[in-house]
Amino acid sequence: MTEQIARVTACPNGPLLVRGHVEILGDDGKPLHNPRRTVALCRCGASAIKPWCDGTHKLTRFTTEAPAAAD
């Protein structure tokens, strides 16, 4: 069996999508149960189910764009 290379895609103004086999560790350093081949990881910090994304980034208007430079 060939193991798929993990790929991480940064979604604009949203989560990191992780596809493929990857071990995700919790705050305690222990592996988290992950039955899926694709997961969305929170980048905004507001998810109620961290490290997984729950869509809260839409409510908080999280943005990945660089702040505008002050004149």
N, C-alpha and C. Protein backbone atom coordinates (compact mmCIF):
# COMPACT_ATOMS: atom_id res chain seq x y z
N MET A 1 0.84 -1.18 0.00
CA MET A 1 0.00 0.00 0.00
C MET A 1 0.89 1.24 0.00
N THR A 2 0.60 2.17 -0.88
CA THR A 2 1.36 3.40 -0.98
C THR A 2 0.73 4.45 -0.08
N GLU A 3 1.53 5.08 0.76
CA GLU A 3 1.02 6.12 1.65
C GLU A 3 0.97 7.44 0.90
N GLN A 4 -0.17 8.11 0.98
CA GLN A 4 -0.37 9.38 0.30
C GLN A 4 0.41 10.48 1.02
N ILE A 5 1.03 11.35 0.25
CA ILE A 5 1.73 12.50 0.82
C ILE A 5 0.69 13.48 1.34
N ALA A 6 0.89 13.98 2.53
CA ALA A 6 -0.04 14.96 3.10
C ALA A 6 0.13 16.30 2.40
N ARG A 7 -0.99 16.97 2.17
CA ARG A 7 -0.97 18.30 1.56
C ARG A 7 -1.76 19.24 2.44
N VAL A 8 -1.23 20.44 2.61
CA VAL A 8 -1.89 21.47 3.40
C VAL A 8 -2.20 22.63 2.48
N THR A 9 -3.47 23.05 2.47
CA THR A 9 -3.91 24.17 1.65
C THR A 9 -4.46 25.25 2.56
N ALA A 10 -3.91 26.44 2.46
CA ALA A 10 -4.40 27.57 3.23
C ALA A 10 -5.56 28.21 2.47
N CYS A 11 -6.75 28.13 3.04
CA CYS A 11 -7.93 28.73 2.41
C CYS A 11 -7.95 30.22 2.71
N PRO A 12 -8.18 31.06 1.71
CA PRO A 12 -8.25 32.49 1.96
C PRO A 12 -9.32 32.79 3.02
N ASN A 13 -8.94 33.52 4.05
CA ASN A 13 -9.84 33.93 5.12
C ASN A 13 -10.53 32.75 5.80
N GLY A 14 -9.87 31.60 5.82
CA GLY A 14 -10.47 30.41 6.41
C GLY A 14 -9.43 29.46 6.97
N PRO A 15 -9.82 28.19 7.07
CA PRO A 15 -8.96 27.20 7.74
C PRO A 15 -7.83 26.69 6.86
N LEU A 16 -7.02 25.86 7.47
CA LEU A 16 -6.02 25.08 6.74
C LEU A 16 -6.67 23.74 6.44
N LEU A 17 -6.71 23.35 5.18
CA LEU A 17 -7.23 22.04 4.82
C LEU A 17 -6.05 21.09 4.72
N VAL A 18 -6.14 20.00 5.45
CA VAL A 18 -5.07 19.00 5.47
C VAL A 18 -5.62 17.73 4.84
N ARG A 19 -4.99 17.32 3.73
CA ARG A 19 -5.41 16.11 3.02
C ARG A 19 -4.30 15.08 3.08
N GLY A 20 -4.68 13.84 3.32
CA GLY A 20 -3.70 12.76 3.38
C GLY A 20 -3.47 12.32 4.81
N HIS A 21 -2.59 11.34 4.95
CA HIS A 21 -2.31 10.80 6.28
C HIS A 21 -1.37 11.73 7.04
N VAL A 22 -1.84 12.20 8.17
CA VAL A 22 -1.02 13.07 9.02
C VAL A 22 -1.46 12.84 10.46
N GLU A 23 -0.51 12.87 11.37
CA GLU A 23 -0.83 12.73 12.79
C GLU A 23 -0.94 14.12 13.38
N ILE A 24 -2.08 14.41 14.00
CA ILE A 24 -2.31 15.71 14.63
C ILE A 24 -2.27 15.51 16.13
N LEU A 25 -1.43 16.30 16.79
CA LEU A 25 -1.24 16.18 18.24
C LEU A 25 -2.01 17.28 18.96
N GLY A 26 -2.55 16.94 20.13
CA GLY A 26 -3.25 17.90 20.96
C GLY A 26 -2.29 18.70 21.81
N ASP A 27 -2.83 19.58 22.64
CA ASP A 27 -2.01 20.42 23.54
C ASP A 27 -1.11 19.58 24.44
N ASP A 28 -1.57 18.39 24.77
CA ASP A 28 -0.81 17.51 25.67
C ASP A 28 0.22 16.65 24.93
N GLY A 29 0.31 16.83 23.61
CA GLY A 29 1.28 16.08 22.83
C GLY A 29 0.81 14.70 22.40
N LYS A 30 -0.40 14.34 22.78
CA LYS A 30 -0.95 13.03 22.43
C LYS A 30 -1.71 13.14 21.10
N PRO A 31 -1.67 12.08 20.29
CA PRO A 31 -2.39 12.10 19.02
C PRO A 31 -3.90 12.24 19.23
N LEU A 32 -4.53 13.06 18.38
CA LEU A 32 -5.98 13.23 18.40
C LEU A 32 -6.61 12.21 17.46
N HIS A 33 -7.77 11.71 17.83
CA HIS A 33 -8.49 10.77 16.98
C HIS A 33 -8.96 11.51 15.73
N ASN A 34 -8.60 11.01 14.58
CA ASN A 34 -8.97 11.64 13.32
C ASN A 34 -9.37 10.56 12.32
N PRO A 35 -10.66 10.30 12.15
CA PRO A 35 -11.10 9.26 11.23
C PRO A 35 -11.17 9.71 9.77
N ARG A 36 -10.90 10.97 9.49
CA ARG A 36 -11.06 11.50 8.14
C ARG A 36 -9.74 11.62 7.40
N ARG A 37 -9.83 11.59 6.07
CA ARG A 37 -8.64 11.79 5.24
C ARG A 37 -8.40 13.26 4.96
N THR A 38 -9.44 14.09 5.12
CA THR A 38 -9.31 15.54 4.95
C THR A 38 -9.89 16.20 6.18
N VAL A 39 -9.14 17.13 6.77
CA VAL A 39 -9.63 17.87 7.94
C VAL A 39 -9.37 19.36 7.73
N ALA A 40 -10.16 20.18 8.40
CA ALA A 40 -9.99 21.63 8.37
C ALA A 40 -9.51 22.06 9.75
N LEU A 41 -8.36 22.71 9.80
CA LEU A 41 -7.79 23.17 11.06
C LEU A 41 -8.01 24.67 11.22
N CYS A 42 -8.43 25.06 12.40
CA CYS A 42 -8.73 26.46 12.71
C CYS A 42 -7.49 27.34 12.61
N ARG A 43 -7.64 28.51 11.98
CA ARG A 43 -6.57 29.51 11.95
C ARG A 43 -6.99 30.78 12.68
N CYS A 44 -8.30 30.98 12.90
CA CYS A 44 -8.75 32.23 13.50
C CYS A 44 -8.64 32.22 15.03
N GLY A 45 -8.59 31.03 15.62
CA GLY A 45 -8.47 30.92 17.07
C GLY A 45 -9.79 30.96 17.80
N ALA A 46 -10.91 31.08 17.09
CA ALA A 46 -12.21 31.22 17.75
C ALA A 46 -13.06 29.96 17.71
N SER A 47 -12.59 28.90 17.08
CA SER A 47 -13.38 27.67 16.98
C SER A 47 -13.65 27.08 18.36
N ALA A 48 -14.85 26.56 18.54
CA ALA A 48 -15.22 25.91 19.80
C ALA A 48 -14.73 24.47 19.84
N ILE A 49 -14.23 23.97 18.72
CA ILE A 49 -13.78 22.58 18.66
C ILE A 49 -12.32 22.49 18.20
N LYS A 50 -11.50 23.43 18.63
CA LYS A 50 -10.08 23.45 18.24
C LYS A 50 -9.43 22.11 18.52
N PRO A 51 -8.56 21.67 17.65
CA PRO A 51 -7.93 22.39 16.57
C PRO A 51 -8.75 22.40 15.29
N TRP A 52 -9.92 21.74 15.29
CA TRP A 52 -10.75 21.67 14.09
C TRP A 52 -11.49 22.98 13.86
N CYS A 53 -11.76 23.28 12.62
CA CYS A 53 -12.51 24.47 12.25
C CYS A 53 -14.00 24.19 12.39
N ASP A 54 -14.74 25.15 12.95
CA ASP A 54 -16.20 25.01 13.05
C ASP A 54 -16.92 26.11 12.28
N GLY A 55 -16.19 26.88 11.48
CA GLY A 55 -16.80 27.93 10.67
C GLY A 55 -16.91 29.28 11.35
N THR A 56 -16.45 29.39 12.59
CA THR A 56 -16.55 30.64 13.34
C THR A 56 -15.80 31.78 12.66
N HIS A 57 -14.81 31.46 11.84
CA HIS A 57 -14.04 32.50 11.15
C HIS A 57 -14.95 33.42 10.34
N LYS A 58 -16.09 32.89 9.87
CA LYS A 58 -17.04 33.71 9.11
C LYS A 58 -17.70 34.75 10.01
N LEU A 59 -18.03 34.34 11.24
CA LEU A 59 -18.68 35.26 12.18
C LEU A 59 -17.73 36.33 12.69
N THR A 60 -16.47 35.95 12.87
CA THR A 60 -15.49 36.90 13.41
C THR A 60 -14.85 37.76 12.32
N ARG A 61 -15.20 37.46 11.06
CA ARG A 61 -14.63 38.17 9.90
C ARG A 61 -13.11 38.04 9.85
N PHE A 62 -12.64 36.85 10.19
CA PHE A 62 -11.21 36.56 10.13
C PHE A 62 -10.69 36.81 8.72
N THR A 63 -9.54 37.41 8.64
CA THR A 63 -8.94 37.67 7.34
C THR A 63 -7.48 37.26 7.34
N THR A 64 -7.04 36.77 6.21
CA THR A 64 -5.64 36.39 6.06
C THR A 64 -4.87 37.45 5.27
N GLU A 65 -5.57 38.52 4.91
CA GLU A 65 -4.92 39.59 4.17
C GLU A 65 -4.08 40.43 5.12
N ALA A 66 -2.97 40.93 4.61
CA ALA A 66 -2.11 41.79 5.42
C ALA A 66 -2.83 43.10 5.70
N PRO A 67 -2.68 43.65 6.92
CA PRO A 67 -3.33 44.92 7.22
C PRO A 67 -2.80 46.02 6.31
N ALA A 68 -3.65 46.97 6.02
CA ALA A 68 -3.24 48.10 5.18
C ALA A 68 -2.18 48.93 5.92
N ALA A 69 -1.21 49.37 5.18
CA ALA A 69 -0.14 50.19 5.77
C ALA A 69 -0.70 51.56 6.17
N ALA A 70 -0.28 52.01 7.35
CA ALA A 70 -0.69 53.34 7.82
C ALA A 70 0.12 54.38 7.08
N ASP A 71 -0.54 55.47 6.70
CA ASP A 71 0.16 56.57 6.00
C ASP A 71 0.82 57.49 6.98
